[in-house]
Amino acid sequence: MEIDRGVNVKKKGFIGEVIEVIKVVLSAVVLASIIVQFIRPTTVSGESMYSTLHDKDYLLLNCVSRYTGVDRGNIIVFDTNLPVEGASDQPKKLYRKIFDTILRDDSRTKDLVKRVIALEGDHLVIKDGKVIVNEAVIDEPYVSPGNVTEGSVDMVIPKNKMFVMGDNRMNSMDSRFPEVGLVDKSQLIGKLLFRVLPVSSMGKVN
């Protein structure tokens, strides 16, 4: 009696191919999750950092800075409690939960890009358009002439907090406003490493 093994071979072959595809996908996910712990892409939205950064600039972030810390003057991207326009109140789908966990971000809240002005322990004063850190007026060549720093601030920055502002001072929602407030270190996504696009402006940004 002859036994036809062709069907079984085909089934095993198909299952084997599916398993290989799953392995490749899982390997890619694991690799991506490792990479984004070090470097992450992001896109600028809005003009709050003009003229240093422009709307739609494509950036690479150094995410290791979440562990090593940042310095005054660094440009950073951080998560906020501000809702993303059109974000659903429905429970997140599993894939979105996974991505948010990998990226250490919340896809329902806005990420902002600003410049670090003062760190924990710093005495910050904003008065009459001047920004004073630890009793010295700081030099801010990145703020365009006539772009006045509005607001009145006199505070010592608490532990694990940062005070941030956009370079476009008259058109920036930042730590001067209660909607953003002081940025906790846990909100940090990364500091600016490199501008990728547009090509004409590619390179390091100060």
C-alpha atoms as a PDB file:
ATOM      1  CA  MET A   1       0.000   0.000   0.000  1.00  0.00           C
ATOM      2  CA  GLU A   2       1.373   3.403  -0.994  1.00  0.00           C
ATOM      3  CA  ILE A   3       1.177   6.424   1.307  1.00  0.00           C
ATOM      4  CA  ASP A   4       0.905   9.879  -0.240  1.00  0.00           C
ATOM      5  CA  ARG A   5       3.116  12.145   1.869  1.00  0.00           C
ATOM      6  CA  GLY A   6       2.940  15.104  -0.503  1.00  0.00           C
ATOM      7  CA  VAL A   7       0.161  16.896   1.375  1.00  0.00           C
ATOM      8  CA  ASN A   8       1.939  16.558   4.741  1.00  0.00           C
ATOM      9  CA  VAL A   9       5.204  17.818   3.261  1.00  0.00           C
ATOM     10  CA  LYS A  10       3.419  20.840   1.808  1.00  0.00           C
ATOM     11  CA  LYS A  11       1.715  21.557   5.135  1.00  0.00           C
ATOM     12  CA  LYS A  12       4.984  21.311   7.036  1.00  0.00           C
ATOM     13  CA  GLY A  13       6.648  23.501   4.452  1.00  0.00           C
ATOM     14  CA  PHE A  14       3.964  26.166   4.738  1.00  0.00           C
ATOM     15  CA  ILE A  15       4.019  26.091   8.542  1.00  0.00           C
ATOM     16  CA  GLY A  16       7.787  26.325   8.486  1.00  0.00           C
ATOM     17  CA  GLU A  17       7.637  29.394   6.280  1.00  0.00           C
ATOM     18  CA  VAL A  18       5.084  31.029   8.596  1.00  0.00           C
ATOM     19  CA  ILE A  19       7.315  30.308  11.598  1.00  0.00           C
ATOM     20  CA  GLU A  20      10.299  31.845   9.803  1.00  0.00           C
ATOM     21  CA  VAL A  21       8.289  34.982   8.981  1.00  0.00           C
ATOM     22  CA  ILE A  22       7.209  35.270  12.620  1.00  0.00           C
ATOM     23  CA  LYS A  23      10.835  34.905  13.734  1.00  0.00           C
ATOM     24  CA  VAL A  24      11.943  37.656  11.347  1.00  0.00           C
ATOM     25  CA  VAL A  25       9.160  39.997  12.519  1.00  0.00           C
ATOM     26  CA  LEU A  26       9.907  39.359  16.198  1.00  0.00           C
ATOM     27  CA  SER A  27      13.631  39.881  15.610  1.00  0.00           C
ATOM     28  CA  ALA A  28      12.891  43.184  13.860  1.00  0.00           C
ATOM     29  CA  VAL A  29      10.663  44.322  16.746  1.00  0.00           C
ATOM     30  CA  VAL A  30      13.303  43.416  19.326  1.00  0.00           C
ATOM     31  CA  LEU A  31      16.035  45.167  17.315  1.00  0.00           C
ATOM     32  CA  ALA A  32      13.881  48.275  16.845  1.00  0.00           C
ATOM     33  CA  SER A  33      13.033  48.377  20.548  1.00  0.00           C
ATOM     34  CA  ILE A  34      16.760  48.282  21.364  1.00  0.00           C
ATOM     35  CA  ILE A  35      17.678  50.953  18.807  1.00  0.00           C
ATOM     36  CA  VAL A  36      15.051  53.449  20.037  1.00  0.00           C
ATOM     37  CA  GLN A  37      16.572  53.281  23.499  1.00  0.00           C
ATOM     38  CA  PHE A  38      19.601  55.028  21.977  1.00  0.00           C
ATOM     39  CA  ILE A  39      18.405  57.004  18.947  1.00  0.00           C
ATOM     40  CA  ARG A  40      14.917  58.061  17.920  1.00  0.00           C
ATOM     41  CA  PRO A  41      13.563  60.117  14.999  1.00  0.00           C
ATOM     42  CA  THR A  42      11.005  62.881  15.447  1.00  0.00           C
ATOM     43  CA  THR A  43       9.493  65.732  13.441  1.00  0.00           C
ATOM     44  CA  VAL A  44       9.106  69.353  14.521  1.00  0.00           C
ATOM     45  CA  SER A  45       5.529  70.607  14.546  1.00  0.00           C
ATOM     46  CA  GLY A  46       5.004  74.357  14.738  1.00  0.00           C
ATOM     47  CA  GLU A  47       7.231  77.424  14.982  1.00  0.00           C
ATOM     48  CA  SER A  48       7.953  77.651  18.724  1.00  0.00           C
ATOM     49  CA  MET A  49      11.678  77.019  18.123  1.00  0.00           C
ATOM     50  CA  TYR A  50      11.992  79.380  15.135  1.00  0.00           C
ATOM     51  CA  SER A  51      14.477  80.385  13.864  1.00  0.00           C
ATOM     52  CA  THR A  52      16.634  77.562  15.242  1.00  0.00           C
ATOM     53  CA  LEU A  53      14.202  74.883  14.071  1.00  0.00           C
ATOM     54  CA  HIS A  54      11.404  75.050  11.531  1.00  0.00           C
ATOM     55  CA  ASP A  55       8.089  73.288  11.109  1.00  0.00           C
ATOM     56  CA  LYS A  56       8.565  69.812   9.565  1.00  0.00           C
ATOM     57  CA  ASP A  57      12.291  69.632  10.348  1.00  0.00           C
ATOM     58  CA  TYR A  58      13.231  65.959  10.753  1.00  0.00           C
ATOM     59  CA  LEU A  59      15.443  65.289  13.778  1.00  0.00           C
ATOM     60  CA  LEU A  60      17.347  62.494  15.467  1.00  0.00           C
ATOM     61  CA  LEU A  61      17.278  62.387  19.265  1.00  0.00           C
ATOM     62  CA  ASN A  62      19.872  61.064  21.671  1.00  0.00           C
ATOM     63  CA  CYS A  63      17.704  58.997  24.016  1.00  0.00           C
ATOM     64  CA  VAL A  64      20.619  57.956  26.231  1.00  0.00           C
ATOM     65  CA  SER A  65      20.292  61.436  27.729  1.00  0.00           C
ATOM     66  CA  ARG A  66      17.312  60.111  29.689  1.00  0.00           C
ATOM     67  CA  TYR A  67      19.898  58.360  31.846  1.00  0.00           C
ATOM     68  CA  THR A  68      22.949  60.619  31.517  1.00  0.00           C
ATOM     69  CA  GLY A  69      21.073  63.912  31.893  1.00  0.00           C
ATOM     70  CA  VAL A  70      21.028  67.154  29.923  1.00  0.00           C
ATOM     71  CA  ASP A  71      22.710  70.544  30.229  1.00  0.00           C
ATOM     72  CA  ARG A  72      21.476  74.106  30.111  1.00  0.00           C
ATOM     73  CA  GLY A  73      21.095  75.175  26.511  1.00  0.00           C
ATOM     74  CA  ASN A  74      20.339  71.677  25.204  1.00  0.00           C
ATOM     75  CA  ILE A  75      17.326  71.319  22.918  1.00  0.00           C
ATOM     76  CA  ILE A  76      15.122  68.498  24.169  1.00  0.00           C
ATOM     77  CA  VAL A  77      11.914  66.684  23.300  1.00  0.00           C
ATOM     78  CA  PHE A  78       9.619  65.710  26.159  1.00  0.00           C
ATOM     79  CA  ASP A  79       6.160  64.300  26.744  1.00  0.00           C
ATOM     80  CA  THR A  80       3.373  66.432  28.219  1.00  0.00           C
ATOM     81  CA  ASN A  81      -0.165  66.056  29.499  1.00  0.00           C
ATOM     82  CA  LEU A  82      -1.484  68.140  26.593  1.00  0.00           C
ATOM     83  CA  PRO A  83      -3.859  65.975  24.531  1.00  0.00           C
ATOM     84  CA  VAL A  84      -3.143  65.287  20.884  1.00  0.00           C
ATOM     85  CA  GLU A  85      -5.889  66.825  18.758  1.00  0.00           C
ATOM     86  CA  GLY A  86      -8.329  64.125  17.683  1.00  0.00           C
ATOM     87  CA  ALA A  87      -6.941  61.499  20.064  1.00  0.00           C
ATOM     88  CA  SER A  88      -9.571  58.920  20.990  1.00  0.00           C
ATOM     89  CA  ASP A  89     -10.751  58.312  24.552  1.00  0.00           C
ATOM     90  CA  GLN A  90     -11.297  54.655  23.726  1.00  0.00           C
ATOM     91  CA  PRO A  91      -8.978  52.050  25.320  1.00  0.00           C
ATOM     92  CA  LYS A  92      -5.710  51.659  23.450  1.00  0.00           C
ATOM     93  CA  LYS A  93      -5.298  48.721  21.150  1.00  0.00           C
ATOM     94  CA  LEU A  94      -2.641  46.174  22.062  1.00  0.00           C
ATOM     95  CA  TYR A  95      -0.214  47.200  19.297  1.00  0.00           C
ATOM     96  CA  ARG A  96      -0.398  50.844  20.415  1.00  0.00           C
ATOM     97  CA  LYS A  97       0.300  49.860  24.023  1.00  0.00           C
ATOM     98  CA  ILE A  98       3.337  47.905  22.854  1.00  0.00           C
ATOM     99  CA  PHE A  99       4.665  50.807  20.759  1.00  0.00           C
ATOM    100  CA  ASP A 100       4.098  53.307  23.569  1.00  0.00           C
ATOM    101  CA  THR A 101       5.936  51.034  26.009  1.00  0.00           C
ATOM    102  CA  ILE A 102       8.885  50.582  23.637  1.00  0.00           C
ATOM    103  CA  LEU A 103       9.098  54.304  22.884  1.00  0.00           C
ATOM    104  CA  ARG A 104       8.454  55.301  26.510  1.00  0.00           C
ATOM    105  CA  ASP A 105       5.881  57.753  25.233  1.00  0.00           C
ATOM    106  CA  ASP A 106       2.127  58.309  25.270  1.00  0.00           C
ATOM    107  CA  SER A 107       0.668  58.577  21.774  1.00  0.00           C
ATOM    108  CA  ARG A 108      -2.362  60.465  23.143  1.00  0.00           C
ATOM    109  CA  THR A 109      -0.362  63.373  24.527  1.00  0.00           C
ATOM    110  CA  LYS A 110       1.780  65.940  22.756  1.00  0.00           C
ATOM    111  CA  ASP A 111       5.552  65.862  22.579  1.00  0.00           C
ATOM    112  CA  LEU A 112       7.151  69.308  22.696  1.00  0.00           C
ATOM    113  CA  VAL A 113      10.588  70.500  21.588  1.00  0.00           C
ATOM    114  CA  LYS A 114      12.119  73.281  23.703  1.00  0.00           C
ATOM    115  CA  ARG A 115      15.440  74.521  25.058  1.00  0.00           C
ATOM    116  CA  VAL A 116      16.607  73.831  28.614  1.00  0.00           C
ATOM    117  CA  ILE A 117      17.034  77.139  30.434  1.00  0.00           C
ATOM    118  CA  ALA A 118      17.472  76.076  34.069  1.00  0.00           C
ATOM    119  CA  LEU A 119      18.074  72.820  35.933  1.00  0.00           C
ATOM    120  CA  GLU A 120      17.397  71.635  39.464  1.00  0.00           C
ATOM    121  CA  GLY A 121      18.921  73.934  42.069  1.00  0.00           C
ATOM    122  CA  ASP A 122      19.218  76.888  39.681  1.00  0.00           C
ATOM    123  CA  HIS A 123      17.804  80.243  40.719  1.00  0.00           C
ATOM    124  CA  LEU A 124      15.841  81.505  37.719  1.00  0.00           C
ATOM    125  CA  VAL A 125      14.535  85.035  37.286  1.00  0.00           C
ATOM    126  CA  ILE A 126      12.660  86.313  34.238  1.00  0.00           C
ATOM    127  CA  LYS A 127      12.019  90.022  34.494  1.00  0.00           C
ATOM    128  CA  ASP A 128      11.803  92.924  32.064  1.00  0.00           C
ATOM    129  CA  GLY A 129      12.591  90.622  29.174  1.00  0.00           C
ATOM    130  CA  LYS A 130      15.815  89.355  30.759  1.00  0.00           C
ATOM    131  CA  VAL A 131      16.579  85.740  31.672  1.00  0.00           C
ATOM    132  CA  ILE A 132      18.786  85.482  34.749  1.00  0.00           C
ATOM    133  CA  VAL A 133      20.191  82.167  35.984  1.00  0.00           C
ATOM    134  CA  ASN A 134      22.109  82.094  39.263  1.00  0.00           C
ATOM    135  CA  GLU A 135      22.311  85.905  39.317  1.00  0.00           C
ATOM    136  CA  ALA A 136      23.792  86.202  35.815  1.00  0.00           C
ATOM    137  CA  VAL A 137      21.965  87.318  32.660  1.00  0.00           C
ATOM    138  CA  ILE A 138      22.429  84.469  30.180  1.00  0.00           C
ATOM    139  CA  ASP A 139      23.567  85.041  26.618  1.00  0.00           C
ATOM    140  CA  GLU A 140      20.899  83.834  24.191  1.00  0.00           C
ATOM    141  CA  PRO A 141      22.098  84.244  20.587  1.00  0.00           C
ATOM    142  CA  TYR A 142      19.414  81.788  19.464  1.00  0.00           C
ATOM    143  CA  VAL A 143      16.633  84.282  20.284  1.00  0.00           C
ATOM    144  CA  SER A 144      16.084  86.613  17.342  1.00  0.00           C
ATOM    145  CA  PRO A 145      16.287  90.405  17.920  1.00  0.00           C
ATOM    146  CA  GLY A 146      12.979  91.885  19.048  1.00  0.00           C
ATOM    147  CA  ASN A 147      11.659  88.525  20.258  1.00  0.00           C
ATOM    148  CA  VAL A 148      10.976  89.534  23.845  1.00  0.00           C
ATOM    149  CA  THR A 149      10.926  86.978  26.668  1.00  0.00           C
ATOM    150  CA  GLU A 150       7.633  87.803  28.312  1.00  0.00           C
ATOM    151  CA  GLY A 151       6.629  86.684  31.786  1.00  0.00           C
ATOM    152  CA  SER A 152       7.623  87.143  35.410  1.00  0.00           C
ATOM    153  CA  VAL A 153       9.428  84.294  37.158  1.00  0.00           C
ATOM    154  CA  ASP A 154      11.490  84.109  40.357  1.00  0.00           C
ATOM    155  CA  MET A 155      12.086  80.570  41.564  1.00  0.00           C
ATOM    156  CA  VAL A 156      14.588  77.897  42.488  1.00  0.00           C
ATOM    157  CA  ILE A 157      14.109  74.864  40.261  1.00  0.00           C
ATOM    158  CA  PRO A 158      13.060  71.823  42.347  1.00  0.00           C
ATOM    159  CA  LYS A 159      14.824  68.472  42.292  1.00  0.00           C
ATOM    160  CA  ASN A 160      14.426  66.434  39.094  1.00  0.00           C
ATOM    161  CA  LYS A 161      12.795  69.360  37.283  1.00  0.00           C
ATOM    162  CA  MET A 162      13.778  71.558  34.317  1.00  0.00           C
ATOM    163  CA  PHE A 163      12.585  74.934  33.116  1.00  0.00           C
ATOM    164  CA  VAL A 164      12.304  75.069  29.327  1.00  0.00           C
ATOM    165  CA  MET A 165      11.404  77.701  26.750  1.00  0.00           C
ATOM    166  CA  GLY A 166      11.086  77.883  22.994  1.00  0.00           C
ATOM    167  CA  ASP A 167      13.498  80.122  21.072  1.00  0.00           C
ATOM    168  CA  ASN A 168      10.513  81.887  19.516  1.00  0.00           C
ATOM    169  CA  ARG A 169       9.693  83.428  22.881  1.00  0.00           C
ATOM    170  CA  MET A 170       6.597  85.349  21.794  1.00  0.00           C
ATOM    171  CA  ASN A 171       5.041  82.260  20.212  1.00  0.00           C
ATOM    172  CA  SER A 172       5.923  79.397  22.526  1.00  0.00           C
ATOM    173  CA  MET A 173       3.879  77.375  25.020  1.00  0.00           C
ATOM    174  CA  ASP A 174       6.521  76.408  27.569  1.00  0.00           C
ATOM    175  CA  SER A 175       7.405  76.347  31.272  1.00  0.00           C
ATOM    176  CA  ARG A 176       6.172  79.913  31.679  1.00  0.00           C
ATOM    177  CA  PHE A 177       2.637  78.598  31.251  1.00  0.00           C
ATOM    178  CA  PRO A 178       0.786  76.297  33.694  1.00  0.00           C
ATOM    179  CA  GLU A 179      -0.336  74.054  30.809  1.00  0.00           C
ATOM    180  CA  VAL A 180       3.288  72.915  30.491  1.00  0.00           C
ATOM    181  CA  GLY A 181       5.014  73.991  33.685  1.00  0.00           C
ATOM    182  CA  LEU A 182       8.280  72.533  34.887  1.00  0.00           C
ATOM    183  CA  VAL A 183       9.416  69.413  33.049  1.00  0.00           C
ATOM    184  CA  ASP A 184      10.150  66.346  35.142  1.00  0.00           C
ATOM    185  CA  LYS A 185      13.145  64.220  34.155  1.00  0.00           C
ATOM    186  CA  SER A 186      10.765  61.286  33.662  1.00  0.00           C
ATOM    187  CA  GLN A 187       9.095  63.210  30.809  1.00  0.00           C
ATOM    188  CA  LEU A 188      12.321  63.486  28.839  1.00  0.00           C
ATOM    189  CA  ILE A 189      12.335  61.589  25.539  1.00  0.00           C
ATOM    190  CA  GLY A 190      15.747  62.744  24.353  1.00  0.00           C
ATOM    191  CA  LYS A 191      17.948  65.686  23.445  1.00  0.00           C
ATOM    192  CA  LEU A 192      18.558  66.854  19.912  1.00  0.00           C
ATOM    193  CA  LEU A 193      21.438  65.005  18.295  1.00  0.00           C
ATOM    194  CA  PHE A 194      21.228  65.880  14.615  1.00  0.00           C
ATOM    195  CA  ARG A 195      18.925  67.516  12.049  1.00  0.00           C
ATOM    196  CA  VAL A 196      18.416  65.152   9.115  1.00  0.00           C
ATOM    197  CA  LEU A 197      16.019  67.151   6.929  1.00  0.00           C
ATOM    198  CA  PRO A 198      15.858  69.453   5.097  1.00  0.00           C
ATOM    199  CA  VAL A 199      19.122  68.478   3.443  1.00  0.00           C
ATOM    200  CA  SER A 200      20.112  72.142   3.115  1.00  0.00           C
ATOM    201  CA  SER A 201      20.089  72.440   6.942  1.00  0.00           C
ATOM    202  CA  MET A 202      21.425  68.980   7.777  1.00  0.00           C
ATOM    203  CA  GLY A 203      23.808  68.842  10.685  1.00  0.00           C
ATOM    204  CA  LYS A 204      24.264  69.636  14.335  1.00  0.00           C
ATOM    205  CA  VAL A 205      22.019  72.313  15.828  1.00  0.00           C
ATOM    206  CA  ASN A 206      23.030  74.645  18.664  1.00  0.00           C
END
